Amino acid sequence: MSTTSKRHTGTEPVRARTAGRLRLLLSLLFAPVFLVGAGLLAWWAAESGSGDAPGRTVLAVLAGVCALLFLVAVTDAAVLGRRARHPARRTTDR
């Protein structure tokens, strides 16, 4: 069993950086896509008949998945926007 150490060995960066701008761009790009998709799928589910394929349940589940992905994208964009406005303070190793 291996244990991970929180001490820096000197080979890794002290402060890792992510592709925050790309994540923000993708979140802002796909949030409206997922919202429109959820609305269209929900409308399709409401308008479909009992013998139609795909069925109402499948369409409703897909609409729910799109709505969930919309919420994830909006939340991610909000977190990234907050981090951009309020950068973390530099911490020192103890």
Protein backbone atom coordinates (compact mmCIF):
# COMPACT_ATOMS: atom_id res chain seq x y z
CA MET A 1 0.00 0.00 0.00
CA SER A 2 1.45 3.33 -1.05
CA THR A 3 0.92 6.59 0.74
CA THR A 4 0.87 9.98 -0.88
CA SER A 5 2.88 12.77 0.63
CA LYS A 6 1.70 16.35 0.67
CA ARG A 7 5.25 17.63 0.73
CA HIS A 8 6.79 18.89 -2.47
CA THR A 9 9.78 16.96 -3.76
CA GLY A 10 10.94 19.74 -6.05
CA THR A 11 10.02 18.09 -9.35
CA GLU A 12 6.35 19.08 -9.51
CA PRO A 13 5.01 22.61 -9.88
CA VAL A 14 4.10 24.29 -6.63
CA ARG A 15 0.96 25.69 -8.17
CA ALA A 16 -0.63 23.64 -10.93
CA ARG A 17 -2.52 25.47 -13.65
CA THR A 18 -5.54 24.25 -15.57
CA ALA A 19 -6.94 25.26 -18.92
CA GLY A 20 -9.46 27.55 -17.23
CA ARG A 21 -10.09 29.76 -20.24
CA LEU A 22 -10.87 26.75 -22.42
CA ARG A 23 -13.17 25.29 -19.76
CA LEU A 24 -14.96 28.63 -19.45
CA LEU A 25 -15.33 28.89 -23.23
CA LEU A 26 -16.72 25.35 -23.49
CA SER A 27 -19.10 25.92 -20.58
CA LEU A 28 -20.42 29.13 -22.09
CA LEU A 29 -20.70 27.51 -25.51
CA PHE A 30 -22.51 24.35 -24.47
CA ALA A 31 -24.80 25.70 -21.72
CA PRO A 32 -27.27 27.17 -24.23
CA VAL A 33 -26.99 24.07 -26.42
CA PHE A 34 -27.97 21.84 -23.51
CA LEU A 35 -30.77 24.21 -22.49
CA VAL A 36 -32.26 24.25 -25.98
CA GLY A 37 -31.81 20.48 -26.24
CA ALA A 38 -33.63 19.95 -22.95
CA GLY A 39 -36.49 22.19 -24.05
CA LEU A 40 -36.85 20.54 -27.46
CA LEU A 41 -36.70 17.04 -26.04
CA ALA A 42 -39.24 17.91 -23.35
CA TRP A 43 -41.55 19.39 -26.00
CA TRP A 44 -41.09 16.31 -28.20
CA ALA A 45 -41.88 14.06 -25.23
CA ALA A 46 -45.03 16.05 -24.50
CA GLU A 47 -46.19 15.90 -28.11
CA SER A 48 -45.39 12.23 -28.76
CA GLY A 49 -48.15 9.65 -28.80
CA SER A 50 -48.32 6.39 -26.90
CA GLY A 51 -47.12 4.27 -29.84
CA ASP A 52 -44.43 6.61 -31.13
CA ALA A 53 -40.77 5.69 -31.20
CA PRO A 54 -38.80 6.85 -29.29
CA GLY A 55 -41.20 6.75 -26.40
CA ARG A 56 -42.07 9.50 -23.98
CA THR A 57 -39.95 8.00 -21.22
CA VAL A 58 -36.81 7.92 -23.36
CA LEU A 59 -37.34 11.50 -24.48
CA ALA A 60 -38.06 12.68 -20.95
CA VAL A 61 -34.88 11.01 -19.66
CA LEU A 62 -32.85 12.61 -22.44
CA ALA A 63 -34.40 15.99 -21.61
CA GLY A 64 -33.43 15.47 -17.97
CA VAL A 65 -29.87 14.56 -18.92
CA CYS A 66 -29.61 17.71 -21.06
CA ALA A 67 -30.99 19.80 -18.19
CA LEU A 68 -28.46 18.26 -15.80
CA LEU A 69 -25.61 18.96 -18.22
CA PHE A 70 -26.87 22.54 -18.53
CA LEU A 71 -26.67 22.92 -14.75
CA VAL A 72 -23.16 21.46 -14.69
CA ALA A 73 -22.01 23.83 -17.45
CA VAL A 74 -23.51 26.89 -15.75
CA THR A 75 -22.05 25.91 -12.37
CA ASP A 76 -18.63 25.33 -13.91
CA ALA A 77 -18.76 28.71 -15.66
CA ALA A 78 -19.75 30.41 -12.40
CA VAL A 79 -16.93 28.75 -10.47
CA LEU A 80 -14.37 29.62 -13.14
CA GLY A 81 -15.63 33.20 -13.32
CA ARG A 82 -15.33 33.55 -9.55
CA ARG A 83 -11.83 32.11 -9.58
CA ALA A 84 -10.82 34.54 -12.31
CA ARG A 85 -12.13 37.52 -10.32
CA HIS A 86 -10.70 36.36 -7.00
CA PRO A 87 -7.43 34.50 -7.52
CA ALA A 88 -6.34 32.28 -4.67
CA ARG A 89 -3.82 33.64 -2.26
CA ARG A 90 -0.43 32.05 -2.38
CA THR A 91 0.08 29.60 0.44
CA THR A 92 3.39 28.66 1.96
CA ASP A 93 4.56 25.16 2.82
CA ARG A 94 4.76 24.45 6.49
